[in-house]
Amino acid sequence: MPEHQLLRIKQVQKKTGLNRTQIYAYMKLGLFPASIKIGPASVAWLEEEIEQWINTKLSNR
């Protein structure tokens, strides 16, 4: 079974250079990977989806 790495908001911010507000705004518009609920008040993102998003941005520049 593949191993998936989950990133918390601070890690996503550091990796992408986006702030929290931008991340949630892009998610709402469907322009950023959706978060995964991991607890009652906790979410995370799949690292591979964040990497794909970054790679798409790089290839479109």
C-alpha atoms as a PDB file:
ATOM      1  CA  MET A   1       0.000   0.000   0.000  1.00  0.00           C
ATOM      2  CA  PRO A   2       1.431   3.421  -0.929  1.00  0.00           C
ATOM      3  CA  GLU A   3       2.578   5.648   1.892  1.00  0.00           C
ATOM      4  CA  HIS A   4       1.066   9.131   1.893  1.00  0.00           C
ATOM      5  CA  GLN A   5       2.588  12.131   3.628  1.00  0.00           C
ATOM      6  CA  LEU A   6       0.137  14.616   5.122  1.00  0.00           C
ATOM      7  CA  LEU A   7       1.037  18.284   5.465  1.00  0.00           C
ATOM      8  CA  ARG A   8      -0.501  20.687   7.971  1.00  0.00           C
ATOM      9  CA  ILE A   9      -1.342  24.296   7.053  1.00  0.00           C
ATOM     10  CA  LYS A  10       2.007  25.746   8.182  1.00  0.00           C
ATOM     11  CA  GLN A  11       3.875  23.210   6.044  1.00  0.00           C
ATOM     12  CA  VAL A  12       1.658  23.973   3.038  1.00  0.00           C
ATOM     13  CA  GLN A  13       2.241  27.706   3.537  1.00  0.00           C
ATOM     14  CA  LYS A  14       5.999  27.213   3.693  1.00  0.00           C
ATOM     15  CA  LYS A  15       6.046  24.916   0.641  1.00  0.00           C
ATOM     16  CA  THR A  16       3.836  27.129  -1.559  1.00  0.00           C
ATOM     17  CA  GLY A  17       4.570  30.640  -0.315  1.00  0.00           C
ATOM     18  CA  LEU A  18       0.829  31.259   0.029  1.00  0.00           C
ATOM     19  CA  ASN A  19      -0.825  32.538   3.171  1.00  0.00           C
ATOM     20  CA  ARG A  20      -3.751  30.798   4.875  1.00  0.00           C
ATOM     21  CA  THR A  21      -6.365  33.112   3.326  1.00  0.00           C
ATOM     22  CA  GLN A  22      -5.012  32.558  -0.198  1.00  0.00           C
ATOM     23  CA  ILE A  23      -4.976  28.778   0.257  1.00  0.00           C
ATOM     24  CA  TYR A  24      -8.626  28.659   1.332  1.00  0.00           C
ATOM     25  CA  ALA A  25      -9.686  31.141  -1.375  1.00  0.00           C
ATOM     26  CA  TYR A  26      -7.965  29.051  -4.084  1.00  0.00           C
ATOM     27  CA  MET A  27      -9.554  25.884  -2.648  1.00  0.00           C
ATOM     28  CA  LYS A  28     -13.003  27.493  -2.829  1.00  0.00           C
ATOM     29  CA  LEU A  29     -12.394  28.356  -6.495  1.00  0.00           C
ATOM     30  CA  GLY A  30     -11.150  24.837  -7.233  1.00  0.00           C
ATOM     31  CA  LEU A  31      -7.639  26.142  -7.973  1.00  0.00           C
ATOM     32  CA  PHE A  32      -5.873  24.374  -5.093  1.00  0.00           C
ATOM     33  CA  PRO A  33      -5.962  20.799  -3.777  1.00  0.00           C
ATOM     34  CA  ALA A  34      -8.716  20.090  -1.271  1.00  0.00           C
ATOM     35  CA  SER A  35      -7.842  19.437   2.343  1.00  0.00           C
ATOM     36  CA  ILE A  36      -8.567  16.181   4.147  1.00  0.00           C
ATOM     37  CA  LYS A  37     -10.335  16.218   7.503  1.00  0.00           C
ATOM     38  CA  ILE A  38      -8.111  14.323   9.947  1.00  0.00           C
ATOM     39  CA  GLY A  39      -9.868  15.228  13.201  1.00  0.00           C
ATOM     40  CA  PRO A  40     -12.738  17.252  14.633  1.00  0.00           C
ATOM     41  CA  ALA A  41     -10.889  20.538  14.059  1.00  0.00           C
ATOM     42  CA  SER A  42      -7.883  19.406  12.005  1.00  0.00           C
ATOM     43  CA  VAL A  43      -7.202  19.255   8.292  1.00  0.00           C
ATOM     44  CA  ALA A  44      -4.184  18.303   6.212  1.00  0.00           C
ATOM     45  CA  TRP A  45      -3.193  18.097   2.556  1.00  0.00           C
ATOM     46  CA  LEU A  46      -1.580  15.268   0.633  1.00  0.00           C
ATOM     47  CA  GLU A  47       2.025  16.227  -0.070  1.00  0.00           C
ATOM     48  CA  GLU A  48       1.866  14.650  -3.545  1.00  0.00           C
ATOM     49  CA  GLU A  49      -1.097  16.870  -4.495  1.00  0.00           C
ATOM     50  CA  ILE A  50       0.730  19.981  -3.271  1.00  0.00           C
ATOM     51  CA  GLU A  51       3.811  18.932  -5.256  1.00  0.00           C
ATOM     52  CA  GLN A  52       1.642  18.448  -8.373  1.00  0.00           C
ATOM     53  CA  TRP A  53       0.115  21.909  -7.884  1.00  0.00           C
ATOM     54  CA  ILE A  54       3.600  23.455  -7.621  1.00  0.00           C
ATOM     55  CA  ASN A  55       4.812  21.545 -10.703  1.00  0.00           C
ATOM     56  CA  THR A  56       1.781  22.743 -12.689  1.00  0.00           C
ATOM     57  CA  LYS A  57       2.532  26.329 -11.716  1.00  0.00           C
ATOM     58  CA  LEU A  58       6.156  25.889 -12.795  1.00  0.00           C
ATOM     59  CA  SER A  59       5.232  24.358 -16.149  1.00  0.00           C
ATOM     60  CA  ASN A  60       2.733  27.182 -16.869  1.00  0.00           C
ATOM     61  CA  ARG A  61       5.139  30.042 -16.317  1.00  0.00           C
END
